[in-house]
Protein backbone atom coordinates (compact mmCIF):
# COMPACT_ATOMS: atom_id res chain seq x y z
CA UNK A 1 -70.97 -24.61 -30.70
CA UNK A 2 -71.38 -22.95 -27.32
CA UNK A 3 -69.20 -25.63 -25.83
CA UNK A 4 -66.65 -25.07 -28.51
CA UNK A 5 -66.61 -21.31 -27.83
CA UNK A 6 -66.37 -21.88 -24.08
CA UNK A 7 -63.41 -24.23 -24.54
CA UNK A 8 -61.76 -21.75 -26.89
CA UNK A 9 -62.28 -18.90 -24.40
CA UNK A 10 -60.81 -21.02 -21.64
CA UNK A 11 -57.76 -21.82 -23.75
CA UNK A 12 -57.24 -18.16 -24.61
CA UNK A 13 -57.61 -17.18 -20.96
CA UNK A 14 -55.22 -19.90 -19.89
CA UNK A 15 -52.66 -18.71 -22.41
CA UNK A 16 -52.93 -15.19 -21.05
CA UNK A 17 -52.39 -16.34 -17.48
CA UNK A 18 -48.70 -17.09 -17.48
CA UNK A 19 -46.92 -18.00 -14.30
CA UNK A 20 -44.89 -15.12 -12.87
CA UNK A 21 -41.66 -17.06 -13.39
CA UNK A 22 -42.36 -17.25 -17.11
CA UNK A 23 -43.44 -13.64 -17.58
CA UNK A 24 -40.00 -12.07 -17.32
CA UNK A 25 -36.68 -13.72 -17.10
CA UNK A 26 -35.42 -13.52 -13.56
CA UNK A 27 -32.36 -11.32 -13.47
CA UNK A 28 -29.28 -13.14 -12.30
CA UNK A 29 -28.48 -12.76 -8.64
CA UNK A 30 -26.17 -9.81 -8.20
CA UNK A 31 -22.57 -10.91 -8.13
CA UNK A 32 -20.88 -10.44 -4.85
CA UNK A 33 -19.62 -6.90 -4.74
CA UNK A 34 -15.87 -7.02 -4.97
CA UNK A 35 -14.49 -5.47 -1.86
CA UNK A 36 -11.36 -3.44 -1.97
CA UNK A 37 -8.48 -5.13 -0.24
CA UNK A 38 -8.08 -4.10 3.37
CA UNK A 39 -5.94 -1.04 3.84
CA UNK A 40 -2.39 -1.98 4.72
CA UNK A 41 -1.63 -1.76 8.40
CA UNK A 42 1.05 0.77 9.24
CA UNK A 43 0.94 0.63 13.02
CA UNK A 44 3.94 2.20 14.68
CA UNK A 45 5.00 4.34 11.75
CA UNK A 46 5.26 8.14 11.97
CA UNK A 47 6.82 8.70 8.51
CA UNK A 48 9.78 10.98 7.78
CA UNK A 49 8.03 14.15 8.92
CA UNK A 50 7.69 12.57 12.36
CA UNK A 51 11.47 12.19 12.61
CA UNK A 52 12.30 15.68 11.38
CA UNK A 53 11.70 17.67 14.61
CA UNK A 54 14.50 15.89 16.50
CA UNK A 55 16.68 14.79 13.60
CA UNK A 56 16.46 17.84 11.33
CA UNK A 57 19.99 17.73 9.92
CA UNK A 58 19.69 14.02 9.10
CA UNK A 59 16.25 14.60 7.58
CA UNK A 60 17.59 17.39 5.36
CA UNK A 61 20.53 15.22 4.26
CA UNK A 62 18.17 12.29 3.52
CA UNK A 63 15.84 14.61 1.61
CA UNK A 64 18.62 15.20 -0.93
CA UNK A 65 19.20 11.48 -1.58
CA UNK A 66 17.69 9.11 -4.15
CA UNK A 67 15.93 7.34 -1.28
CA UNK A 68 13.75 10.45 -0.86
CA UNK A 69 12.58 10.14 -4.48
CA UNK A 70 12.26 6.39 -5.11
CA UNK A 71 8.53 6.38 -5.82
CA UNK A 72 9.06 8.76 -8.76
CA UNK A 73 10.93 5.99 -10.59
CA UNK A 74 7.75 3.92 -10.87
CA UNK A 75 4.97 4.09 -13.42
CA UNK A 76 1.35 3.94 -12.27
CA UNK A 77 1.30 0.23 -13.15
CA UNK A 78 4.50 -0.41 -11.18
CA UNK A 79 2.91 1.21 -8.13
CA UNK A 80 0.31 -1.58 -8.23
CA UNK A 81 2.91 -4.33 -8.70
CA UNK A 82 5.26 -6.07 -6.30
CA UNK A 83 8.13 -3.73 -7.19
CA UNK A 84 6.44 -0.94 -5.20
CA UNK A 85 7.69 -2.68 -2.03
CA UNK A 86 11.21 -1.34 -2.55
CA UNK A 87 9.98 2.19 -3.22
CA UNK A 88 7.86 2.67 -0.09
CA UNK A 89 8.33 2.51 3.68
CA UNK A 90 6.58 0.07 6.00
CA UNK A 91 3.96 -2.14 4.37
CA UNK A 92 5.15 -3.22 0.93
CA UNK A 93 2.26 -1.41 -0.73
CA UNK A 94 0.93 2.12 -1.00
CA UNK A 95 -0.52 3.54 2.24
CA UNK A 96 -2.90 6.45 1.82
CA UNK A 97 -4.08 8.85 4.50
CA UNK A 98 -6.92 10.70 2.89
CA UNK A 99 -5.47 11.73 -0.45
CA UNK A 100 -1.87 11.65 0.74
CA UNK A 101 0.52 8.80 -0.06
CA UNK A 102 2.22 8.74 3.35
CA UNK A 103 4.71 5.92 2.85
CA UNK A 104 6.15 7.04 -0.49
CA UNK A 105 9.91 6.66 -0.83
CA UNK A 106 12.48 4.96 1.38
CA UNK A 107 12.01 7.07 4.50
CA UNK A 108 13.80 6.93 7.86
CA UNK A 109 11.69 4.02 9.09
CA UNK A 110 12.40 1.98 5.96
CA UNK A 111 15.91 1.41 7.32
CA UNK A 112 15.65 2.20 11.03
CA UNK A 113 12.27 0.62 11.81
CA UNK A 114 8.94 2.09 12.98
CA UNK A 115 9.50 5.25 15.01
CA UNK A 116 6.32 5.68 17.06
CA UNK A 117 7.68 3.89 20.15
CA UNK A 118 10.97 5.78 19.79
CA UNK A 119 9.20 9.15 19.76
CA UNK A 120 6.89 8.23 22.63
CA UNK A 121 9.81 7.04 24.76
CA UNK A 122 11.94 10.09 23.94
CA UNK A 123 9.15 12.55 24.71
CA UNK A 124 8.42 10.80 28.01
CA UNK A 125 12.05 11.22 29.06
CA UNK A 126 13.12 7.58 28.76
CA UNK A 127 16.87 7.09 28.97
CA UNK A 128 16.69 4.55 26.12
CA UNK A 129 14.11 5.74 23.63
CA UNK A 130 12.38 3.14 21.51
CA UNK A 131 13.58 0.33 19.34
CA UNK A 132 15.08 1.98 16.29
CA UNK A 133 18.10 0.45 14.54
CA UNK A 134 21.00 2.90 14.51
CA UNK A 135 22.98 1.09 11.78
CA UNK A 136 20.82 -1.09 9.54
CA UNK A 137 22.37 -4.42 8.56
CA UNK A 138 23.65 -5.11 5.06
CA UNK A 139 20.91 -7.71 4.44
CA UNK A 140 18.24 -5.02 4.84
CA UNK A 141 19.78 -2.90 2.08
CA UNK A 142 20.27 -5.94 -0.13
CA UNK A 143 16.61 -6.91 0.19
CA UNK A 144 16.03 -4.22 -2.49
CA UNK A 145 19.50 -3.53 -3.87
CA UNK A 146 19.87 -6.87 -5.66
CA UNK A 147 19.78 -8.46 -9.10
CA UNK A 148 15.95 -8.63 -9.09
CA UNK A 149 15.88 -4.85 -9.54
CA UNK A 150 15.78 -3.66 -13.15
CA UNK A 151 18.14 -0.83 -12.16
CA UNK A 152 20.70 -3.02 -10.38
CA UNK A 153 24.28 -2.17 -11.23
CA UNK A 154 25.99 -3.87 -8.34
CA UNK A 155 25.79 -2.93 -4.70
CA UNK A 156 28.76 -2.41 -2.43
CA UNK A 157 27.41 -1.99 1.08
CA UNK A 158 30.61 -0.89 2.81
CA UNK A 159 31.35 1.70 0.14
CA UNK A 160 27.82 3.10 0.00
CA UNK A 161 26.47 2.95 3.55
CA UNK A 162 28.03 6.29 4.52
CA UNK A 163 26.39 8.07 1.59
CA UNK A 164 22.78 7.34 2.52
CA UNK A 165 22.26 10.57 4.47
CA UNK A 166 25.67 12.02 5.06
CA UNK A 167 25.62 14.67 7.75
CA UNK A 168 28.61 16.96 8.32
CA UNK A 169 30.10 16.52 11.77
């Protein structure tokens, strides 16, 4: 009987000693933390406010156009979709600086190209400041003003190009 009790005690003790791997289910390895996509690069851009000091009259004329308010046409979902590319300047996605959406709307550089080199050259006294495009080509305008846009109603470049930011002479 003593042997029987000893064997029983050993079995009970063995049942109580459970390997660590069987005591608790091992939690699954943490999934890789999804990283936010890299911030869009906007090197060379100074945004519309950077153009205003030297081109005030043009800035004020632009500010009254639909180009100065294009981002307002989009819903929050649209701002995350590909269509945001035609409603911002520079990278075809939203660029934030702190809490400010700096590339909202079709700004000066959306048509004339990044202005940083232009400003640096002009302020250094260069005879030929920067690489801005004085008269953007038709194909640039038509990259957004085309039948892929839900608001497209035809686009007549020669008739409309003078209305973009008309400045009295």
